[in-house]
Amino acid sequence: MAPWHDIISVAPEDGQLILARRYPEDTPPLSGQWSLADAGLLLPSLPSHTAPWVIPWTFLTHWRPLTTPPAYPAPGSPKGWRDTYFYPPNNSQPVWLRRFPGDFAALPATYSAPDGLFTVVPCQGATLSAPFYCFYQWKPM
């Protein structure tokens, strides 16, 4: 398989099928099509959600070319902490959400399946929403 390239110093060609690493780097790599117009990785539809979802280049670290997309994990509900892309929660499901690996606190959140957003209420009067790629893992409440 081809070596990993830095996403900025050796950028993929527009429309190229690639495998990309995202933050945090121990999350599973994702395949998709590089898009200059969207400045990021266009992700394919999965049983849990439909395309087009884009991960901006600022959330990607490395890439390598692909000739065919890899097989994605089987649909299902694994136990414990789950990847936010491969195993997203159900729409409006309350979850515990982790931003990074390690000793970071889990936050209570709610997931919006149509747009892939998690909403966190860190304190009364504050509501924060961010896309799935801003978070590390989740598990049901």
N, C-alpha and C. Protein backbone atom coordinates (compact mmCIF):
# COMPACT_ATOMS: atom_id res chain seq x y z
N MET A 1 0.84 -1.17 0.00
CA MET A 1 0.00 0.00 0.00
C MET A 1 0.90 1.25 0.00
N ALA A 2 0.42 2.32 -0.56
CA ALA A 2 1.18 3.56 -0.68
C ALA A 2 1.46 4.17 0.69
N PRO A 3 2.54 4.96 0.80
CA PRO A 3 2.85 5.60 2.08
C PRO A 3 1.85 6.73 2.39
N TRP A 4 1.79 7.11 3.67
CA TRP A 4 0.94 8.21 4.09
C TRP A 4 1.61 9.53 3.73
N HIS A 5 0.80 10.51 3.26
CA HIS A 5 1.27 11.84 2.91
C HIS A 5 0.62 12.85 3.85
N ASP A 6 1.35 13.91 4.15
CA ASP A 6 0.77 15.02 4.91
C ASP A 6 -0.29 15.69 4.04
N ILE A 7 -1.43 16.03 4.63
CA ILE A 7 -2.57 16.55 3.87
C ILE A 7 -2.28 17.92 3.24
N ILE A 8 -1.34 18.68 3.82
CA ILE A 8 -1.05 20.01 3.29
C ILE A 8 0.15 20.01 2.36
N SER A 9 1.24 19.38 2.76
CA SER A 9 2.46 19.47 1.95
C SER A 9 2.39 18.67 0.65
N VAL A 10 1.62 17.58 0.63
CA VAL A 10 1.42 16.79 -0.59
C VAL A 10 -0.09 16.55 -0.70
N ALA A 11 -0.78 17.51 -1.23
CA ALA A 11 -2.25 17.42 -1.30
C ALA A 11 -2.70 16.45 -2.38
N PRO A 12 -3.84 15.77 -2.16
CA PRO A 12 -4.39 14.89 -3.20
C PRO A 12 -4.90 15.72 -4.39
N GLU A 13 -5.07 15.05 -5.51
CA GLU A 13 -5.65 15.71 -6.68
C GLU A 13 -7.17 15.79 -6.51
N ASP A 14 -7.75 16.82 -7.10
CA ASP A 14 -9.20 16.99 -7.03
C ASP A 14 -9.91 15.75 -7.60
N GLY A 15 -10.86 15.22 -6.84
CA GLY A 15 -11.62 14.05 -7.27
C GLY A 15 -10.96 12.72 -6.96
N GLN A 16 -9.76 12.73 -6.41
CA GLN A 16 -9.03 11.49 -6.13
C GLN A 16 -9.65 10.73 -4.96
N LEU A 17 -9.74 9.41 -5.11
CA LEU A 17 -10.21 8.53 -4.04
C LEU A 17 -9.04 8.32 -3.08
N ILE A 18 -9.26 8.63 -1.80
CA ILE A 18 -8.18 8.53 -0.82
C ILE A 18 -8.66 7.88 0.48
N LEU A 19 -7.71 7.45 1.26
CA LEU A 19 -7.92 7.01 2.64
C LEU A 19 -7.28 8.09 3.50
N ALA A 20 -8.03 8.67 4.44
CA ALA A 20 -7.53 9.80 5.21
C ALA A 20 -7.59 9.52 6.71
N ARG A 21 -6.59 10.05 7.41
CA ARG A 21 -6.56 9.99 8.87
C ARG A 21 -7.09 11.31 9.39
N ARG A 22 -7.85 11.25 10.50
CA ARG A 22 -8.42 12.45 11.10
C ARG A 22 -7.98 12.54 12.55
N TYR A 23 -8.26 13.68 13.16
CA TYR A 23 -7.99 13.86 14.59
C TYR A 23 -9.08 13.19 15.40
N PRO A 24 -8.81 12.68 16.58
CA PRO A 24 -7.52 12.21 17.03
C PRO A 24 -7.05 11.07 16.14
N GLU A 25 -5.76 10.92 16.02
CA GLU A 25 -5.21 10.02 15.02
C GLU A 25 -5.44 8.53 15.29
N ASP A 26 -5.93 8.17 16.46
CA ASP A 26 -6.21 6.75 16.66
C ASP A 26 -7.64 6.38 16.28
N THR A 27 -8.39 7.32 15.69
CA THR A 27 -9.69 6.97 15.13
C THR A 27 -9.47 6.22 13.82
N PRO A 28 -10.41 5.40 13.39
CA PRO A 28 -10.21 4.65 12.14
C PRO A 28 -10.10 5.60 10.94
N PRO A 29 -9.24 5.29 9.97
CA PRO A 29 -9.17 6.14 8.77
C PRO A 29 -10.46 6.03 7.96
N LEU A 30 -10.73 7.06 7.18
CA LEU A 30 -11.94 7.12 6.37
C LEU A 30 -11.59 7.22 4.89
N SER A 31 -12.37 6.58 4.05
CA SER A 31 -12.16 6.72 2.61
C SER A 31 -13.19 7.68 2.07
N GLY A 32 -12.81 8.35 1.01
CA GLY A 32 -13.71 9.27 0.35
C GLY A 32 -13.02 9.91 -0.84
N GLN A 33 -13.68 10.90 -1.40
CA GLN A 33 -13.16 11.58 -2.56
C GLN A 33 -12.70 12.98 -2.17
N TRP A 34 -11.47 13.34 -2.54
CA TRP A 34 -10.94 14.65 -2.23
C TRP A 34 -11.64 15.69 -3.10
N SER A 35 -12.08 16.79 -2.48
CA SER A 35 -12.81 17.83 -3.21
C SER A 35 -12.19 19.20 -2.94
N LEU A 36 -11.64 19.80 -3.98
CA LEU A 36 -11.12 21.16 -3.84
C LEU A 36 -12.25 22.15 -3.60
N ALA A 37 -13.37 21.95 -4.25
CA ALA A 37 -14.52 22.87 -4.10
C ALA A 37 -15.01 22.89 -2.65
N ASP A 38 -14.97 21.72 -1.98
CA ASP A 38 -15.42 21.64 -0.59
C ASP A 38 -14.27 21.75 0.40
N ALA A 39 -13.05 21.83 -0.10
CA ALA A 39 -11.83 21.92 0.73
C ALA A 39 -11.79 20.81 1.77
N GLY A 40 -12.06 19.59 1.31
CA GLY A 40 -12.04 18.49 2.25
C GLY A 40 -12.38 17.16 1.62
N LEU A 41 -12.69 16.20 2.46
CA LEU A 41 -12.98 14.83 2.07
C LEU A 41 -14.48 14.61 2.00
N LEU A 42 -14.98 14.25 0.80
CA LEU A 42 -16.39 13.88 0.64
C LEU A 42 -16.54 12.43 1.05
N LEU A 43 -17.43 12.18 2.00
CA LEU A 43 -17.61 10.83 2.53
C LEU A 43 -18.76 10.12 1.84
N PRO A 44 -18.65 8.81 1.66
CA PRO A 44 -19.72 8.05 1.02
C PRO A 44 -20.91 7.84 1.96
N SER A 45 -22.03 7.47 1.38
CA SER A 45 -23.20 7.11 2.19
C SER A 45 -22.92 5.80 2.92
N LEU A 46 -23.45 5.71 4.13
CA LEU A 46 -23.39 4.47 4.90
C LEU A 46 -24.82 4.11 5.30
N PRO A 47 -25.04 2.90 5.79
CA PRO A 47 -26.39 2.55 6.23
C PRO A 47 -26.93 3.51 7.31
N SER A 48 -26.04 4.14 8.07
CA SER A 48 -26.45 5.02 9.16
C SER A 48 -26.73 6.45 8.73
N HIS A 49 -26.25 6.86 7.57
CA HIS A 49 -26.46 8.22 7.09
C HIS A 49 -26.15 8.31 5.60
N THR A 50 -26.67 9.35 4.97
CA THR A 50 -26.46 9.51 3.55
C THR A 50 -25.48 10.63 3.26
N ALA A 51 -24.84 10.54 2.12
CA ALA A 51 -23.90 11.56 1.67
C ALA A 51 -24.70 12.77 1.20
N PRO A 52 -24.15 13.92 0.98
CA PRO A 52 -22.73 14.19 1.13
C PRO A 52 -22.40 14.78 2.50
N TRP A 53 -21.47 14.16 3.17
CA TRP A 53 -20.86 14.72 4.37
C TRP A 53 -19.43 15.03 4.01
N VAL A 54 -18.92 16.13 4.52
CA VAL A 54 -17.56 16.56 4.21
C VAL A 54 -16.80 16.76 5.51
N ILE A 55 -15.56 16.28 5.54
CA ILE A 55 -14.66 16.61 6.64
C ILE A 55 -13.68 17.64 6.08
N PRO A 56 -13.66 18.86 6.63
CA PRO A 56 -12.73 19.88 6.14
C PRO A 56 -11.28 19.45 6.31
N TRP A 57 -10.43 19.94 5.44
CA TRP A 57 -9.01 19.57 5.46
C TRP A 57 -8.36 19.86 6.80
N THR A 58 -8.87 20.84 7.54
CA THR A 58 -8.27 21.20 8.82
C THR A 58 -8.43 20.11 9.88
N PHE A 59 -9.30 19.14 9.65
CA PHE A 59 -9.49 18.03 10.59
C PHE A 59 -8.82 16.75 10.11
N LEU A 60 -8.09 16.84 9.00
CA LEU A 60 -7.40 15.68 8.44
C LEU A 60 -5.90 15.83 8.64
N THR A 61 -5.21 14.72 8.84
CA THR A 61 -3.77 14.79 9.06
C THR A 61 -2.98 14.19 7.90
N HIS A 62 -3.32 12.97 7.50
CA HIS A 62 -2.57 12.26 6.47
C HIS A 62 -3.52 11.59 5.49
N TRP A 63 -3.00 11.25 4.33
CA TRP A 63 -3.80 10.57 3.32
C TRP A 63 -2.90 9.65 2.48
N ARG A 64 -3.54 8.70 1.80
CA ARG A 64 -2.87 7.91 0.79
C ARG A 64 -3.90 7.53 -0.27
N PRO A 65 -3.44 7.31 -1.51
CA PRO A 65 -4.38 7.02 -2.59
C PRO A 65 -5.00 5.64 -2.45
N LEU A 66 -6.20 5.52 -2.99
CA LEU A 66 -6.90 4.24 -3.03
C LEU A 66 -7.34 3.96 -4.46
N THR A 67 -7.43 2.68 -4.81
CA THR A 67 -8.00 2.32 -6.11
C THR A 67 -9.45 1.89 -5.95
N THR A 68 -9.77 1.29 -4.80
CA THR A 68 -11.16 0.92 -4.49
C THR A 68 -11.42 1.23 -3.02
N PRO A 69 -12.65 1.61 -2.67
CA PRO A 69 -12.95 1.89 -1.27
C PRO A 69 -12.84 0.62 -0.43
N PRO A 70 -12.36 0.74 0.82
CA PRO A 70 -12.30 -0.43 1.70
C PRO A 70 -13.70 -0.80 2.20
N ALA A 71 -13.82 -2.02 2.68
CA ALA A 71 -15.08 -2.43 3.30
C ALA A 71 -15.20 -1.73 4.65
N TYR A 72 -16.34 -1.14 4.91
CA TYR A 72 -16.56 -0.48 6.19
C TYR A 72 -17.02 -1.50 7.21
N PRO A 73 -16.89 -1.17 8.49
CA PRO A 73 -17.39 -2.09 9.52
C PRO A 73 -18.87 -2.40 9.31
N ALA A 74 -19.25 -3.58 9.70
CA ALA A 74 -20.65 -4.00 9.56
C ALA A 74 -21.55 -3.11 10.39
N PRO A 75 -22.75 -2.79 9.89
CA PRO A 75 -23.69 -2.02 10.70
C PRO A 75 -24.01 -2.76 11.98
N GLY A 76 -24.29 -2.02 13.00
CA GLY A 76 -24.62 -2.64 14.28
C GLY A 76 -24.41 -1.68 15.42
N SER A 77 -24.48 -2.18 16.60
CA SER A 77 -24.30 -1.37 17.81
C SER A 77 -23.29 -2.05 18.72
N PRO A 78 -22.01 -1.74 18.52
CA PRO A 78 -21.03 -2.33 19.42
C PRO A 78 -21.23 -1.83 20.84
N LYS A 79 -20.71 -2.56 21.79
CA LYS A 79 -20.83 -2.15 23.20
C LYS A 79 -19.71 -1.19 23.55
N GLY A 80 -19.92 -0.38 24.57
CA GLY A 80 -18.89 0.55 25.02
C GLY A 80 -18.82 1.80 24.15
N TRP A 81 -17.64 2.40 24.09
CA TRP A 81 -17.43 3.62 23.31
C TRP A 81 -17.41 3.29 21.83
N ARG A 82 -18.04 4.18 21.02
CA ARG A 82 -18.21 3.92 19.59
C ARG A 82 -17.69 5.09 18.77
N ASP A 83 -17.20 4.78 17.58
CA ASP A 83 -16.74 5.81 16.67
C ASP A 83 -17.92 6.65 16.19
N THR A 84 -17.74 7.96 16.11
CA THR A 84 -18.84 8.87 15.77
C THR A 84 -19.26 8.77 14.31
N TYR A 85 -18.40 8.30 13.42
CA TYR A 85 -18.77 8.17 12.01
C TYR A 85 -19.30 6.79 11.67
N PHE A 86 -18.58 5.75 12.04
CA PHE A 86 -18.98 4.40 11.67
C PHE A 86 -20.20 3.90 12.43
N TYR A 87 -20.37 4.34 13.67
CA TYR A 87 -21.50 3.90 14.50
C TYR A 87 -22.17 5.10 15.15
N PRO A 88 -22.79 5.98 14.36
CA PRO A 88 -23.42 7.16 14.97
C PRO A 88 -24.66 6.77 15.78
N PRO A 89 -25.02 7.63 16.74
CA PRO A 89 -26.26 7.37 17.51
C PRO A 89 -27.50 7.54 16.64
N ASN A 90 -28.62 7.15 17.19
CA ASN A 90 -29.91 7.41 16.53
C ASN A 90 -30.24 8.89 16.64
N ASN A 91 -31.11 9.36 15.78
CA ASN A 91 -31.53 10.75 15.82
C ASN A 91 -32.14 11.10 17.18
N SER A 92 -31.72 12.23 17.73
CA SER A 92 -32.19 12.77 19.02
C SER A 92 -31.79 11.91 20.22
N GLN A 93 -30.88 10.98 20.03
CA GLN A 93 -30.47 10.11 21.13
C GLN A 93 -29.56 10.86 22.09
N PRO A 94 -29.84 10.80 23.40
CA PRO A 94 -28.91 11.36 24.39
C PRO A 94 -27.72 10.42 24.57
N VAL A 95 -26.53 11.00 24.61
CA VAL A 95 -25.30 10.21 24.66
C VAL A 95 -24.29 10.84 25.61
N TRP A 96 -23.28 10.05 25.96
CA TRP A 96 -22.06 10.57 26.57
C TRP A 96 -21.08 10.72 25.42
N LEU A 97 -20.40 11.84 25.38
CA LEU A 97 -19.54 12.19 24.26
C LEU A 97 -18.15 12.53 24.75
N ARG A 98 -17.14 12.01 24.07
CA ARG A 98 -15.74 12.32 24.40
C ARG A 98 -15.12 13.12 23.25
N ARG A 99 -14.41 14.19 23.62
CA ARG A 99 -13.75 14.99 22.60
C ARG A 99 -12.41 14.41 22.19
N PHE A 100 -11.67 13.86 23.14
CA PHE A 100 -10.33 13.33 22.89
C PHE A 100 -10.15 12.04 23.67
N PRO A 101 -9.16 11.23 23.29
CA PRO A 101 -8.87 10.04 24.09
C PRO A 101 -8.19 10.43 25.40
N GLY A 102 -8.11 9.48 26.30
CA GLY A 102 -7.42 9.74 27.56
C GLY A 102 -8.37 10.15 28.67
N ASP A 103 -7.90 11.04 29.54
CA ASP A 103 -8.63 11.40 30.74
C ASP A 103 -9.60 12.57 30.57
N PHE A 104 -9.99 12.89 29.36
CA PHE A 104 -10.95 13.97 29.18
C PHE A 104 -12.33 13.54 29.64
N ALA A 105 -13.06 14.46 30.23
CA ALA A 105 -14.39 14.15 30.75
C ALA A 105 -15.37 13.86 29.61
N ALA A 106 -16.29 12.95 29.88
CA ALA A 106 -17.38 12.69 28.93
C ALA A 106 -18.45 13.75 29.17
N LEU A 107 -19.03 14.23 28.09
CA LEU A 107 -20.05 15.29 28.16
C LEU A 107 -21.41 14.74 27.76
N PRO A 108 -22.48 15.18 28.42
CA PRO A 108 -23.80 14.79 27.95
C PRO A 108 -24.11 15.56 26.67
N ALA A 109 -24.68 14.86 25.69
CA ALA A 109 -24.97 15.48 24.40
C ALA A 109 -26.18 14.81 23.76
N THR A 110 -26.65 15.41 22.68
CA THR A 110 -27.73 14.85 21.87
C THR A 110 -27.27 14.87 20.42
N TYR A 111 -27.65 13.85 19.66
CA TYR A 111 -27.20 13.73 18.28
C TYR A 111 -28.33 14.05 17.30
N SER A 112 -28.00 14.77 16.23
CA SER A 112 -28.93 15.05 15.15
C SER A 112 -28.46 14.29 13.91
N ALA A 113 -29.16 13.22 13.57
CA ALA A 113 -28.75 12.36 12.47
C ALA A 113 -28.79 13.04 11.10
N PRO A 114 -29.78 13.88 10.79
CA PRO A 114 -29.82 14.46 9.44
C PRO A 114 -28.58 15.27 9.06
N ASP A 115 -27.99 15.95 10.03
CA ASP A 115 -26.83 16.79 9.71
C ASP A 115 -25.55 16.35 10.40
N GLY A 116 -25.59 15.27 11.18
CA GLY A 116 -24.40 14.76 11.84
C GLY A 116 -23.85 15.63 12.94
N LEU A 117 -24.73 16.40 13.60
CA LEU A 117 -24.30 17.32 14.66
C LEU A 117 -24.57 16.76 16.04
N PHE A 118 -23.60 16.97 16.94
CA PHE A 118 -23.81 16.71 18.35
C PHE A 118 -24.05 18.05 19.03
N THR A 119 -25.01 18.10 19.95
CA THR A 119 -25.29 19.31 20.71
C THR A 119 -24.99 19.04 22.17
N VAL A 120 -24.17 19.91 22.73
CA VAL A 120 -23.74 19.81 24.12
C VAL A 120 -24.26 21.03 24.86
N VAL A 121 -24.77 20.81 26.08
CA VAL A 121 -25.20 21.92 26.94
C VAL A 121 -24.26 21.90 28.15
N PRO A 122 -23.12 22.62 28.07
CA PRO A 122 -22.13 22.55 29.14
C PRO A 122 -22.57 23.22 30.44
N CYS A 123 -23.45 24.20 30.33
CA CYS A 123 -23.98 24.87 31.52
C CYS A 123 -25.30 25.54 31.13
N GLN A 124 -26.06 25.91 32.11
CA GLN A 124 -27.36 26.52 31.84
C GLN A 124 -27.17 27.79 31.01
N GLY A 125 -27.93 27.89 29.93
CA GLY A 125 -27.87 29.06 29.07
C GLY A 125 -26.87 28.95 27.93
N ALA A 126 -26.08 27.90 27.89
CA ALA A 126 -25.11 27.71 26.81
C ALA A 126 -25.41 26.43 26.05
N THR A 127 -25.47 26.53 24.73
CA THR A 127 -25.68 25.38 23.87
C THR A 127 -24.62 25.41 22.78
N LEU A 128 -23.87 24.33 22.66
CA LEU A 128 -22.81 24.24 21.66
C LEU A 128 -23.10 23.07 20.73
N SER A 129 -22.99 23.30 19.42
CA SER A 129 -23.17 22.23 18.44
C SER A 129 -21.94 22.14 17.56
N ALA A 130 -21.57 20.92 17.20
CA ALA A 130 -20.43 20.70 16.32
C ALA A 130 -20.64 19.39 15.56
N PRO A 131 -20.06 19.28 14.37
CA PRO A 131 -20.20 18.06 13.58
C PRO A 131 -19.47 16.86 14.19
N PHE A 132 -19.86 15.68 13.75
CA PHE A 132 -19.34 14.42 14.28
C PHE A 132 -17.82 14.37 14.28
N TYR A 133 -17.16 14.95 13.29
CA TYR A 133 -15.71 14.82 13.18
C TYR A 133 -14.95 15.64 14.22
N CYS A 134 -15.66 16.45 15.00
CA CYS A 134 -15.02 17.21 16.09
C CYS A 134 -14.91 16.39 17.36
N PHE A 135 -15.47 15.18 17.36
CA PHE A 135 -15.51 14.36 18.56
C PHE A 135 -14.87 13.00 18.32
N TYR A 136 -14.46 12.39 19.42
CA TYR A 136 -13.71 11.14 19.39
C TYR A 136 -14.63 9.93 19.43
N GLN A 137 -15.41 9.79 20.49
CA GLN A 137 -16.27 8.63 20.67
C GLN A 137 -17.52 9.01 21.46
N TRP A 138 -18.50 8.10 21.43
CA TRP A 138 -19.73 8.30 22.18
C TRP A 138 -20.20 6.94 22.71
N LYS A 139 -21.09 7.01 23.72
CA LYS A 139 -21.79 5.81 24.17
C LYS A 139 -23.15 6.24 24.68
N PRO A 140 -24.13 5.32 24.70
CA PRO A 140 -25.48 5.67 25.15
C PRO A 140 -25.49 6.09 26.63
N MET A 141 -26.43 6.94 26.96
CA MET A 141 -26.60 7.34 28.37
C MET A 141 -27.32 6.23 29.10
